[in-house]
Amino acid sequence: MEQTFEARDVDIGYHPQGYRIDKTASPMNRYTRWSIAPDGRWVDPEPVCFDSMPQEGWLKAERFSWDAPGTTNTER
């Protein structure tokens, strides 16, 4: 089982419920909620506030490609 983290300990990462944290991104992309398509692609991002996201169960990632819609993460 993969190690999970609390949201406050994640600089770049994702939550299986469709949330992403990317503290290196622009302010509108820093904290986002995504819909997960039936084929597993992450689509239709919406900005959210930090406090509305799950606080536990996060997986860290190396980076996200914000230029390519539906891209998944590169896990650490």
C-alpha atoms as a PDB file:
ATOM      1  CA  MET A   1       0.000   0.000   0.000  1.00  0.00           C
ATOM      2  CA  GLU A   2       1.283   3.440  -0.898  1.00  0.00           C
ATOM      3  CA  GLN A   3       2.213   5.905   1.789  1.00  0.00           C
ATOM      4  CA  THR A   4      -0.348   8.686   2.147  1.00  0.00           C
ATOM      5  CA  PHE A   5       0.096  12.185   3.524  1.00  0.00           C
ATOM      6  CA  GLU A   6      -1.905  14.992   5.071  1.00  0.00           C
ATOM      7  CA  ALA A   7      -2.806  17.829   2.701  1.00  0.00           C
ATOM      8  CA  ARG A   8      -0.636  20.332   4.584  1.00  0.00           C
ATOM      9  CA  ASP A   9       2.450  18.142   3.899  1.00  0.00           C
ATOM     10  CA  VAL A  10       1.951  18.002   0.112  1.00  0.00           C
ATOM     11  CA  ASP A  11       3.549  20.464  -2.336  1.00  0.00           C
ATOM     12  CA  ILE A  12       2.484  18.539  -5.447  1.00  0.00           C
ATOM     13  CA  GLY A  13       0.070  15.652  -5.194  1.00  0.00           C
ATOM     14  CA  TYR A  14      -3.392  14.245  -5.677  1.00  0.00           C
ATOM     15  CA  HIS A  15      -6.231  12.666  -3.745  1.00  0.00           C
ATOM     16  CA  PRO A  16      -8.140   9.675  -5.193  1.00  0.00           C
ATOM     17  CA  GLN A  17     -11.434  11.585  -4.833  1.00  0.00           C
ATOM     18  CA  GLY A  18     -10.347  13.922  -7.657  1.00  0.00           C
ATOM     19  CA  TYR A  19      -8.387  16.684  -5.933  1.00  0.00           C
ATOM     20  CA  ARG A  20      -4.971  18.055  -6.811  1.00  0.00           C
ATOM     21  CA  ILE A  21      -2.507  20.258  -4.965  1.00  0.00           C
ATOM     22  CA  ASP A  22       0.214  21.999  -6.960  1.00  0.00           C
ATOM     23  CA  LYS A  23       1.886  24.773  -4.988  1.00  0.00           C
ATOM     24  CA  THR A  24       4.165  25.490  -7.996  1.00  0.00           C
ATOM     25  CA  ALA A  25       1.192  26.329 -10.273  1.00  0.00           C
ATOM     26  CA  SER A  26      -0.611  29.615 -10.830  1.00  0.00           C
ATOM     27  CA  PRO A  27      -3.045  30.610  -8.047  1.00  0.00           C
ATOM     28  CA  MET A  28      -6.090  29.336  -9.985  1.00  0.00           C
ATOM     29  CA  ASN A  29      -4.462  25.887 -10.404  1.00  0.00           C
ATOM     30  CA  ARG A  30      -2.973  25.565  -6.917  1.00  0.00           C
ATOM     31  CA  TYR A  31      -5.912  23.669  -5.372  1.00  0.00           C
ATOM     32  CA  THR A  32      -8.332  22.011  -7.807  1.00  0.00           C
ATOM     33  CA  ARG A  33     -11.202  19.522  -7.923  1.00  0.00           C
ATOM     34  CA  TRP A  34     -11.457  17.355 -11.046  1.00  0.00           C
ATOM     35  CA  SER A  35     -14.030  15.021 -12.514  1.00  0.00           C
ATOM     36  CA  ILE A  36     -12.622  11.587 -13.250  1.00  0.00           C
ATOM     37  CA  ALA A  37     -13.808  10.236 -16.614  1.00  0.00           C
ATOM     38  CA  PRO A  38     -14.802   6.550 -16.986  1.00  0.00           C
ATOM     39  CA  ASP A  39     -11.478   5.920 -18.756  1.00  0.00           C
ATOM     40  CA  GLY A  40      -9.520   7.341 -15.792  1.00  0.00           C
ATOM     41  CA  ARG A  41      -8.658  10.742 -17.290  1.00  0.00           C
ATOM     42  CA  TRP A  42      -8.904  13.769 -14.995  1.00  0.00           C
ATOM     43  CA  VAL A  43     -11.093  16.409 -16.695  1.00  0.00           C
ATOM     44  CA  ASP A  44     -12.948  19.683 -15.992  1.00  0.00           C
ATOM     45  CA  PRO A  45     -10.781  21.182 -13.221  1.00  0.00           C
ATOM     46  CA  GLU A  46     -12.336  23.731 -10.875  1.00  0.00           C
ATOM     47  CA  PRO A  47     -10.434  25.840  -8.332  1.00  0.00           C
ATOM     48  CA  VAL A  48     -11.299  25.111  -4.697  1.00  0.00           C
ATOM     49  CA  CYS A  49     -10.124  26.456  -1.359  1.00  0.00           C
ATOM     50  CA  PHE A  50      -7.655  24.426   0.656  1.00  0.00           C
ATOM     51  CA  ASP A  51     -10.063  23.879   3.553  1.00  0.00           C
ATOM     52  CA  SER A  52     -12.686  22.239   1.314  1.00  0.00           C
ATOM     53  CA  MET A  53     -10.341  19.418   0.280  1.00  0.00           C
ATOM     54  CA  PRO A  54      -9.860  16.126   2.141  1.00  0.00           C
ATOM     55  CA  GLN A  55      -7.138  16.602   4.743  1.00  0.00           C
ATOM     56  CA  GLU A  56      -5.850  13.001   4.749  1.00  0.00           C
ATOM     57  CA  GLY A  57      -5.116  10.319   2.158  1.00  0.00           C
ATOM     58  CA  TRP A  58      -2.936  12.334  -0.265  1.00  0.00           C
ATOM     59  CA  LEU A  59      -0.348  10.854  -2.628  1.00  0.00           C
ATOM     60  CA  LYS A  60       2.679  12.911  -3.603  1.00  0.00           C
ATOM     61  CA  ALA A  61       3.588  13.506  -7.255  1.00  0.00           C
ATOM     62  CA  GLU A  62       6.585  14.917  -9.068  1.00  0.00           C
ATOM     63  CA  ARG A  63       4.658  17.242 -11.368  1.00  0.00           C
ATOM     64  CA  PHE A  64       1.451  17.752 -13.342  1.00  0.00           C
ATOM     65  CA  SER A  65       1.193  18.729 -16.992  1.00  0.00           C
ATOM     66  CA  TRP A  66      -1.295  21.603 -16.975  1.00  0.00           C
ATOM     67  CA  ASP A  67      -0.924  22.056 -20.753  1.00  0.00           C
ATOM     68  CA  ALA A  68      -2.423  18.692 -21.687  1.00  0.00           C
ATOM     69  CA  PRO A  69      -6.049  18.169 -20.630  1.00  0.00           C
ATOM     70  CA  GLY A  70      -6.829  14.830 -19.042  1.00  0.00           C
ATOM     71  CA  THR A  71      -3.257  14.129 -17.985  1.00  0.00           C
ATOM     72  CA  THR A  72      -2.553  12.151 -14.894  1.00  0.00           C
ATOM     73  CA  ASN A  73       0.269  12.631 -12.458  1.00  0.00           C
ATOM     74  CA  THR A  74       3.820  11.417 -12.227  1.00  0.00           C
ATOM     75  CA  GLU A  75       4.013   9.735  -8.845  1.00  0.00           C
ATOM     76  CA  ARG A  76       6.967  10.074  -6.521  1.00  0.00           C
END
